[in-house]
Amino acid sequence: MNLLADNAGFMLQGMWFTLRLAVATLLCAGVVSVAVGLMSVARARPLRALALCYVEFWRDIPLLVNLLFVYFGAPLIGLALSPFAAALLSLSLWGGANGAEIVRGGINAVPAHQAVSATALGMKRWEIYRYVILPQALMPILPPMTGLFSSLIQATSLASLVGVTEFFRIGQIVVERTTMQEGESPAFLVYGFVLVVYFVVCSCLSQLTRRLEQRLAARGTRVVAAARSLRESV
């Protein structure tokens, strides 16, 4: 434990870098997921074809290969990306492709007559999605999206392969340096601590999502009860 205390500042620095990468990745992947997911259910066939090509391309590439492909391929087309930017772009593209399928599945889970009824009421296309389809699609989307976000947080450790000094890489440095100085490897202690930190972060994300699901379910129950009482009073 003295080893962890002595390197606390160093490891906190790596943890902060990991959190920055994770938050930026989740935001970017979330935006891409919604955009491509909406394209995949659009009326225009070219948009659906474009979304399908994007999803199939990035989903069929292993994440590690994807990361190396972006990092070493970007300079060939004139994009000199830093290790952090390359990791962010790679994880966002991969996460966006997988998230788009989740969004598409959630939208398709909403009964078709909902959109038909909204159209009959004179609502515009964007209003139908904003007020009718997406609120109902949120419940089936949340659980798998939480799993995807947890996977993306865990995948930030792969950024160490392209030179990002994130939390896992800092742990490697501590293990290597201590082994060289003292002749004994503290790998179990250090990597065990890294495991616990990732577990805590992903568990907190899961707990927040469960609370959000409960609040949405409770609000939906109240809305249904209010509509039922209004119908009975009429």
C-alpha atoms as a PDB file:
ATOM      1  CA  MET A   1       0.000   0.000   0.000  1.00  0.00           C
ATOM      2  CA  ASN A   2       2.969   2.318   0.547  1.00  0.00           C
ATOM      3  CA  LEU A   3       3.713   2.006  -3.156  1.00  0.00           C
ATOM      4  CA  LEU A   4       0.262   3.316  -4.068  1.00  0.00           C
ATOM      5  CA  ALA A   5       0.555   6.146  -1.541  1.00  0.00           C
ATOM      6  CA  ASP A   6       3.976   7.156  -2.867  1.00  0.00           C
ATOM      7  CA  ASN A   7       2.681   7.258  -6.426  1.00  0.00           C
ATOM      8  CA  ALA A   8      -0.737   8.728  -5.592  1.00  0.00           C
ATOM      9  CA  GLY A   9      -0.100  12.018  -7.389  1.00  0.00           C
ATOM     10  CA  PHE A  10       1.219  10.250 -10.474  1.00  0.00           C
ATOM     11  CA  MET A  11      -1.762   7.896 -10.609  1.00  0.00           C
ATOM     12  CA  LEU A  12      -4.267  10.684  -9.985  1.00  0.00           C
ATOM     13  CA  GLN A  13      -2.805  12.468 -12.978  1.00  0.00           C
ATOM     14  CA  GLY A  14      -3.406   9.370 -15.105  1.00  0.00           C
ATOM     15  CA  MET A  15      -6.906   8.953 -13.669  1.00  0.00           C
ATOM     16  CA  TRP A  16      -7.751  12.564 -14.574  1.00  0.00           C
ATOM     17  CA  PHE A  17      -6.511  11.968 -18.127  1.00  0.00           C
ATOM     18  CA  THR A  18      -8.650   8.825 -18.363  1.00  0.00           C
ATOM     19  CA  LEU A  19     -11.749  10.637 -17.109  1.00  0.00           C
ATOM     20  CA  ARG A  20     -11.228  13.407 -19.663  1.00  0.00           C
ATOM     21  CA  LEU A  21     -10.905  10.882 -22.464  1.00  0.00           C
ATOM     22  CA  ALA A  22     -13.901   8.885 -21.205  1.00  0.00           C
ATOM     23  CA  VAL A  23     -16.217  11.909 -20.900  1.00  0.00           C
ATOM     24  CA  ALA A  24     -15.216  13.266 -24.312  1.00  0.00           C
ATOM     25  CA  THR A  25     -15.667   9.826 -25.867  1.00  0.00           C
ATOM     26  CA  LEU A  26     -19.119   9.301 -24.325  1.00  0.00           C
ATOM     27  CA  LEU A  27     -20.312  12.722 -25.515  1.00  0.00           C
ATOM     28  CA  CYS A  28     -19.017  12.271 -29.056  1.00  0.00           C
ATOM     29  CA  ALA A  29     -20.199   8.662 -29.325  1.00  0.00           C
ATOM     30  CA  GLY A  30     -23.624   9.661 -28.008  1.00  0.00           C
ATOM     31  CA  VAL A  31     -24.025  12.399 -30.621  1.00  0.00           C
ATOM     32  CA  VAL A  32     -22.878  10.079 -33.423  1.00  0.00           C
ATOM     33  CA  SER A  33     -25.192   7.312 -32.177  1.00  0.00           C
ATOM     34  CA  VAL A  34     -28.278   9.526 -32.278  1.00  0.00           C
ATOM     35  CA  ALA A  35     -27.397  11.085 -35.636  1.00  0.00           C
ATOM     36  CA  VAL A  36     -26.615   7.814 -37.419  1.00  0.00           C
ATOM     37  CA  GLY A  37     -29.487   6.033 -35.658  1.00  0.00           C
ATOM     38  CA  LEU A  38     -31.950   8.616 -36.991  1.00  0.00           C
ATOM     39  CA  MET A  39     -30.398   8.326 -40.453  1.00  0.00           C
ATOM     40  CA  SER A  40     -30.925   4.554 -40.370  1.00  0.00           C
ATOM     41  CA  VAL A  41     -34.701   4.988 -39.972  1.00  0.00           C
ATOM     42  CA  ALA A  42     -35.042   7.975 -42.311  1.00  0.00           C
ATOM     43  CA  ARG A  43     -37.397   7.888 -45.268  1.00  0.00           C
ATOM     44  CA  ALA A  44     -34.631   8.797 -47.729  1.00  0.00           C
ATOM     45  CA  ARG A  45     -32.954   5.630 -49.019  1.00  0.00           C
ATOM     46  CA  PRO A  46     -29.515   7.295 -49.533  1.00  0.00           C
ATOM     47  CA  LEU A  47     -29.420   8.259 -45.842  1.00  0.00           C
ATOM     48  CA  ARG A  48     -30.305   4.712 -44.784  1.00  0.00           C
ATOM     49  CA  ALA A  49     -27.650   3.286 -47.113  1.00  0.00           C
ATOM     50  CA  LEU A  50     -25.028   5.699 -45.794  1.00  0.00           C
ATOM     51  CA  ALA A  51     -25.883   4.821 -42.198  1.00  0.00           C
ATOM     52  CA  LEU A  52     -25.750   1.092 -42.990  1.00  0.00           C
ATOM     53  CA  CYS A  53     -22.312   1.408 -44.607  1.00  0.00           C
ATOM     54  CA  TYR A  54     -20.973   3.389 -41.650  1.00  0.00           C
ATOM     55  CA  VAL A  55     -22.330   0.953 -39.062  1.00  0.00           C
ATOM     56  CA  GLU A  56     -21.168  -2.186 -40.878  1.00  0.00           C
ATOM     57  CA  PHE A  57     -17.684  -0.800 -41.527  1.00  0.00           C
ATOM     58  CA  TRP A  58     -16.868   0.277 -37.973  1.00  0.00           C
ATOM     59  CA  ARG A  59     -18.655  -2.562 -36.197  1.00  0.00           C
ATOM     60  CA  ASP A  60     -16.843  -5.230 -38.214  1.00  0.00           C
ATOM     61  CA  ILE A  61     -13.393  -3.929 -37.226  1.00  0.00           C
ATOM     62  CA  PRO A  62     -11.946  -4.957 -33.831  1.00  0.00           C
ATOM     63  CA  LEU A  63     -11.519  -1.950 -31.589  1.00  0.00           C
ATOM     64  CA  LEU A  64      -7.768  -2.453 -31.249  1.00  0.00           C
ATOM     65  CA  VAL A  65      -7.325  -2.598 -35.027  1.00  0.00           C
ATOM     66  CA  ASN A  66      -9.610   0.420 -35.327  1.00  0.00           C
ATOM     67  CA  LEU A  67      -7.429   2.424 -32.950  1.00  0.00           C
ATOM     68  CA  LEU A  68      -4.200   1.563 -34.778  1.00  0.00           C
ATOM     69  CA  PHE A  69      -5.883   2.171 -38.146  1.00  0.00           C
ATOM     70  CA  VAL A  70      -6.910   5.705 -37.157  1.00  0.00           C
ATOM     71  CA  TYR A  71      -3.616   6.569 -35.444  1.00  0.00           C
ATOM     72  CA  PHE A  72      -1.337   5.402 -38.257  1.00  0.00           C
ATOM     73  CA  GLY A  73      -3.753   6.067 -41.135  1.00  0.00           C
ATOM     74  CA  ALA A  74      -4.646   9.664 -40.342  1.00  0.00           C
ATOM     75  CA  PRO A  75      -1.177  11.067 -41.272  1.00  0.00           C
ATOM     76  CA  LEU A  76      -1.466   9.408 -44.701  1.00  0.00           C
ATOM     77  CA  ILE A  77      -4.382  11.716 -45.556  1.00  0.00           C
ATOM     78  CA  GLY A  78      -2.808  14.799 -44.032  1.00  0.00           C
ATOM     79  CA  LEU A  79      -4.272  14.623 -40.520  1.00  0.00           C
ATOM     80  CA  ALA A  80      -1.552  14.781 -37.891  1.00  0.00           C
ATOM     81  CA  LEU A  81      -3.517  13.589 -34.853  1.00  0.00           C
ATOM     82  CA  SER A  82      -2.124  13.562 -31.349  1.00  0.00           C
ATOM     83  CA  PRO A  83      -2.402  10.254 -29.466  1.00  0.00           C
ATOM     84  CA  PHE A  84      -5.295  11.682 -27.412  1.00  0.00           C
ATOM     85  CA  ALA A  85      -7.159  12.920 -30.525  1.00  0.00           C
ATOM     86  CA  ALA A  86      -6.595   9.620 -32.347  1.00  0.00           C
ATOM     87  CA  ALA A  87      -7.915   7.623 -29.385  1.00  0.00           C
ATOM     88  CA  LEU A  88     -10.919   9.939 -29.041  1.00  0.00           C
ATOM     89  CA  LEU A  89     -11.762   9.706 -32.751  1.00  0.00           C
ATOM     90  CA  SER A  90     -11.333   5.942 -32.875  1.00  0.00           C
ATOM     91  CA  LEU A  91     -13.429   5.213 -29.784  1.00  0.00           C
ATOM     92  CA  SER A  92     -16.118   7.687 -30.860  1.00  0.00           C
ATOM     93  CA  LEU A  93     -16.442   6.185 -34.344  1.00  0.00           C
ATOM     94  CA  TRP A  94     -16.612   2.647 -32.985  1.00  0.00           C
ATOM     95  CA  GLY A  95     -18.962   3.576 -30.161  1.00  0.00           C
ATOM     96  CA  GLY A  96     -21.139   5.629 -32.496  1.00  0.00           C
ATOM     97  CA  ALA A  97     -21.565   2.685 -34.877  1.00  0.00           C
ATOM     98  CA  ASN A  98     -22.631   0.341 -32.082  1.00  0.00           C
ATOM     99  CA  GLY A  99     -24.793   3.002 -30.454  1.00  0.00           C
ATOM    100  CA  ALA A 100     -26.544   3.725 -33.744  1.00  0.00           C
ATOM    101  CA  GLU A 101     -27.830   0.150 -33.824  1.00  0.00           C
ATOM    102  CA  ILE A 102     -29.140   0.558 -30.281  1.00  0.00           C
ATOM    103  CA  VAL A 103     -30.924   3.790 -31.220  1.00  0.00           C
ATOM    104  CA  ARG A 104     -32.370   2.205 -34.349  1.00  0.00           C
ATOM    105  CA  GLY A 105     -33.657  -0.759 -32.357  1.00  0.00           C
ATOM    106  CA  GLY A 106     -35.202   1.534 -29.740  1.00  0.00           C
ATOM    107  CA  ILE A 107     -36.987   3.604 -32.380  1.00  0.00           C
ATOM    108  CA  ASN A 108     -38.270   0.502 -34.168  1.00  0.00           C
ATOM    109  CA  ALA A 109     -39.598  -0.796 -30.839  1.00  0.00           C
ATOM    110  CA  VAL A 110     -42.116   2.061 -30.746  1.00  0.00           C
ATOM    111  CA  PRO A 111     -45.415   0.894 -32.314  1.00  0.00           C
ATOM    112  CA  ALA A 112     -45.884   2.227 -35.851  1.00  0.00           C
ATOM    113  CA  HIS A 113     -49.375   3.502 -35.115  1.00  0.00           C
ATOM    114  CA  GLN A 114     -47.884   6.143 -32.807  1.00  0.00           C
ATOM    115  CA  ALA A 115     -46.307   7.956 -35.759  1.00  0.00           C
ATOM    116  CA  VAL A 116     -49.434   7.455 -37.863  1.00  0.00           C
ATOM    117  CA  SER A 117     -51.640   8.971 -35.169  1.00  0.00           C
ATOM    118  CA  ALA A 118     -49.279  11.903 -34.696  1.00  0.00           C
ATOM    119  CA  THR A 119     -49.268  12.535 -38.455  1.00  0.00           C
ATOM    120  CA  ALA A 120     -53.062  12.489 -38.462  1.00  0.00           C
ATOM    121  CA  LEU A 121     -52.997  15.186 -35.791  1.00  0.00           C
ATOM    122  CA  GLY A 122     -50.973  17.404 -38.111  1.00  0.00           C
ATOM    123  CA  MET A 123     -47.620  17.135 -36.344  1.00  0.00           C
ATOM    124  CA  LYS A 124     -44.472  17.705 -38.375  1.00  0.00           C
ATOM    125  CA  ARG A 125     -41.858  15.007 -38.845  1.00  0.00           C
ATOM    126  CA  TRP A 126     -39.393  16.481 -36.344  1.00  0.00           C
ATOM    127  CA  GLU A 127     -42.202  17.025 -33.827  1.00  0.00           C
ATOM    128  CA  ILE A 128     -43.207  13.374 -34.092  1.00  0.00           C
ATOM    129  CA  TYR A 129     -39.670  12.285 -33.243  1.00  0.00           C
ATOM    130  CA  ARG A 130     -39.193  14.917 -30.541  1.00  0.00           C
ATOM    131  CA  TYR A 131     -42.468  14.479 -28.663  1.00  0.00           C
ATOM    132  CA  VAL A 132     -43.737  11.007 -29.567  1.00  0.00           C
ATOM    133  CA  ILE A 133     -41.105   8.511 -30.733  1.00  0.00           C
ATOM    134  CA  LEU A 134     -37.883   9.403 -28.914  1.00  0.00           C
ATOM    135  CA  PRO A 135     -39.431   9.701 -25.404  1.00  0.00           C
ATOM    136  CA  GLN A 136     -40.894   6.195 -25.794  1.00  0.00           C
ATOM    137  CA  ALA A 137     -37.703   4.816 -27.338  1.00  0.00           C
ATOM    138  CA  LEU A 138     -35.618   6.035 -24.410  1.00  0.00           C
ATOM    139  CA  MET A 139     -36.560   3.160 -22.097  1.00  0.00           C
ATOM    140  CA  PRO A 140     -35.450   0.301 -24.413  1.00  0.00           C
ATOM    141  CA  ILE A 141     -32.357   2.311 -25.395  1.00  0.00           C
ATOM    142  CA  LEU A 142     -31.000   3.032 -21.910  1.00  0.00           C
ATOM    143  CA  PRO A 143     -29.915  -0.465 -20.700  1.00  0.00           C
ATOM    144  CA  PRO A 144     -27.885  -1.473 -23.786  1.00  0.00           C
ATOM    145  CA  MET A 145     -26.499   2.058 -24.133  1.00  0.00           C
ATOM    146  CA  THR A 146     -25.255   1.865 -20.546  1.00  0.00           C
ATOM    147  CA  GLY A 147     -23.439  -1.355 -21.395  1.00  0.00           C
ATOM    148  CA  LEU A 148     -21.887   0.297 -24.431  1.00  0.00           C
ATOM    149  CA  PHE A 149     -20.743   3.316 -22.415  1.00  0.00           C
ATOM    150  CA  SER A 150     -19.196   1.019 -19.805  1.00  0.00           C
ATOM    151  CA  SER A 151     -17.326  -0.784 -22.593  1.00  0.00           C
ATOM    152  CA  LEU A 152     -16.073   2.545 -23.937  1.00  0.00           C
ATOM    153  CA  ILE A 153     -14.811   3.581 -20.504  1.00  0.00           C
ATOM    154  CA  GLN A 154     -12.961   0.287 -20.204  1.00  0.00           C
ATOM    155  CA  ALA A 155     -11.656   0.648 -23.761  1.00  0.00           C
ATOM    156  CA  THR A 156      -9.876   3.895 -22.888  1.00  0.00           C
ATOM    157  CA  SER A 157      -7.115   1.663 -21.517  1.00  0.00           C
ATOM    158  CA  LEU A 158      -6.289   0.729 -25.136  1.00  0.00           C
ATOM    159  CA  ALA A 159      -5.188   4.327 -25.704  1.00  0.00           C
ATOM    160  CA  SER A 160      -1.948   3.445 -23.909  1.00  0.00           C
ATOM    161  CA  LEU A 161      -0.929   1.505 -27.053  1.00  0.00           C
ATOM    162  CA  VAL A 162      -0.612   4.752 -29.038  1.00  0.00           C
ATOM    163  CA  GLY A 163       1.165   6.704 -26.319  1.00  0.00           C
ATOM    164  CA  VAL A 164      -1.664   8.197 -24.253  1.00  0.00           C
ATOM    165  CA  THR A 165      -0.540   8.421 -20.625  1.00  0.00           C
ATOM    166  CA  GLU A 166      -3.911   7.444 -19.182  1.00  0.00           C
ATOM    167  CA  PHE A 167      -4.580   5.552 -15.964  1.00  0.00           C
ATOM    168  CA  PHE A 168      -3.687   2.077 -17.183  1.00  0.00           C
ATOM    169  CA  ARG A 169      -0.465   3.315 -18.774  1.00  0.00           C
ATOM    170  CA  ILE A 170       0.522   5.044 -15.535  1.00  0.00           C
ATOM    171  CA  GLY A 171      -0.008   1.730 -13.747  1.00  0.00           C
ATOM    172  CA  GLN A 172       2.315   0.042 -16.238  1.00  0.00           C
ATOM    173  CA  ILE A 173       4.968   2.685 -15.677  1.00  0.00           C
ATOM    174  CA  VAL A 174       4.753   2.261 -11.895  1.00  0.00           C
ATOM    175  CA  VAL A 175       5.096  -1.525 -12.212  1.00  0.00           C
ATOM    176  CA  GLU A 176       8.072  -1.319 -14.589  1.00  0.00           C
ATOM    177  CA  ARG A 177       9.871   1.366 -12.597  1.00  0.00           C
ATOM    178  CA  THR A 178       9.389  -0.406  -9.260  1.00  0.00           C
ATOM    179  CA  THR A 179      10.522  -3.745 -10.711  1.00  0.00           C
ATOM    180  CA  MET A 180      13.726  -2.182 -12.039  1.00  0.00           C
ATOM    181  CA  GLN A 181      14.490  -0.336  -8.787  1.00  0.00           C
ATOM    182  CA  GLU A 182      13.586  -2.991  -6.229  1.00  0.00           C
ATOM    183  CA  GLY A 183      13.828  -6.234  -8.193  1.00  0.00           C
ATOM    184  CA  GLU A 184      10.289  -7.278  -7.232  1.00  0.00           C
ATOM    185  CA  SER A 185       7.198  -6.818  -9.361  1.00  0.00           C
ATOM    186  CA  PRO A 186       4.182  -5.100  -7.711  1.00  0.00           C
ATOM    187  CA  ALA A 187       2.005  -6.012 -10.702  1.00  0.00           C
ATOM    188  CA  PHE A 188      -0.734  -7.698  -8.668  1.00  0.00           C
ATOM    189  CA  LEU A 189      -1.110  -4.743  -6.298  1.00  0.00           C
ATOM    190  CA  VAL A 190      -1.028  -2.034  -8.971  1.00  0.00           C
ATOM    191  CA  TYR A 191      -3.225  -3.766 -11.533  1.00  0.00           C
ATOM    192  CA  GLY A 192      -5.599  -4.816  -8.770  1.00  0.00           C
ATOM    193  CA  PHE A 193      -5.959  -1.152  -7.822  1.00  0.00           C
ATOM    194  CA  VAL A 194      -6.556  -0.258 -11.467  1.00  0.00           C
ATOM    195  CA  LEU A 195      -9.231  -2.978 -11.647  1.00  0.00           C
ATOM    196  CA  VAL A 196     -11.008  -1.578  -8.585  1.00  0.00           C
ATOM    197  CA  VAL A 197     -11.010   1.962  -9.979  1.00  0.00           C
ATOM    198  CA  TYR A 198     -12.506   0.876 -13.313  1.00  0.00           C
ATOM    199  CA  PHE A 199     -15.078  -1.218 -11.440  1.00  0.00           C
ATOM    200  CA  VAL A 200     -16.126   1.734  -9.273  1.00  0.00           C
ATOM    201  CA  VAL A 201     -16.441   4.110 -12.237  1.00  0.00           C
ATOM    202  CA  CYS A 202     -18.524   1.679 -14.320  1.00  0.00           C
ATOM    203  CA  SER A 203     -20.656   0.724 -11.299  1.00  0.00           C
ATOM    204  CA  CYS A 204     -21.456   4.379 -10.634  1.00  0.00           C
ATOM    205  CA  LEU A 205     -22.507   4.770 -14.268  1.00  0.00           C
ATOM    206  CA  SER A 206     -24.786   1.727 -13.990  1.00  0.00           C
ATOM    207  CA  GLN A 207     -26.346   3.021 -10.769  1.00  0.00           C
ATOM    208  CA  LEU A 208     -27.038   6.443 -12.291  1.00  0.00           C
ATOM    209  CA  THR A 209     -28.669   4.790 -15.283  1.00  0.00           C
ATOM    210  CA  ARG A 210     -30.866   2.595 -13.078  1.00  0.00           C
ATOM    211  CA  ARG A 211     -32.076   5.654 -11.186  1.00  0.00           C
ATOM    212  CA  LEU A 212     -32.823   7.400 -14.466  1.00  0.00           C
ATOM    213  CA  GLU A 213     -34.777   4.350 -15.651  1.00  0.00           C
ATOM    214  CA  GLN A 214     -36.777   4.312 -12.428  1.00  0.00           C
ATOM    215  CA  ARG A 215     -37.602   7.996 -12.736  1.00  0.00           C
ATOM    216  CA  LEU A 216     -38.669   7.613 -16.359  1.00  0.00           C
ATOM    217  CA  ALA A 217     -40.792   4.575 -15.507  1.00  0.00           C
ATOM    218  CA  ALA A 218     -42.430   6.417 -12.613  1.00  0.00           C
ATOM    219  CA  ARG A 219     -43.154   9.433 -14.790  1.00  0.00           C
ATOM    220  CA  GLY A 220     -44.627   7.199 -17.477  1.00  0.00           C
ATOM    221  CA  THR A 221     -46.865   5.534 -14.903  1.00  0.00           C
ATOM    222  CA  ARG A 222     -48.101   8.920 -13.695  1.00  0.00           C
ATOM    223  CA  VAL A 223     -48.837  10.044 -17.249  1.00  0.00           C
ATOM    224  CA  VAL A 224     -50.819   6.867 -17.990  1.00  0.00           C
ATOM    225  CA  ALA A 225     -52.762   7.197 -14.734  1.00  0.00           C
ATOM    226  CA  ALA A 226     -53.583  10.840 -15.466  1.00  0.00           C
ATOM    227  CA  ALA A 227     -54.754  10.007 -18.984  1.00  0.00           C
ATOM    228  CA  ARG A 228     -56.898   7.148 -17.660  1.00  0.00           C
ATOM    229  CA  SER A 229     -58.550   9.337 -15.018  1.00  0.00           C
ATOM    230  CA  LEU A 230     -59.206  12.054 -17.599  1.00  0.00           C
ATOM    231  CA  ARG A 231     -60.806   9.511 -19.922  1.00  0.00           C
ATOM    232  CA  GLU A 232     -62.981   8.150 -17.110  1.00  0.00           C
ATOM    233  CA  SER A 233     -64.118  11.627 -16.100  1.00  0.00           C
ATOM    234  CA  VAL A 234     -65.187  12.377 -19.648  1.00  0.00           C
END
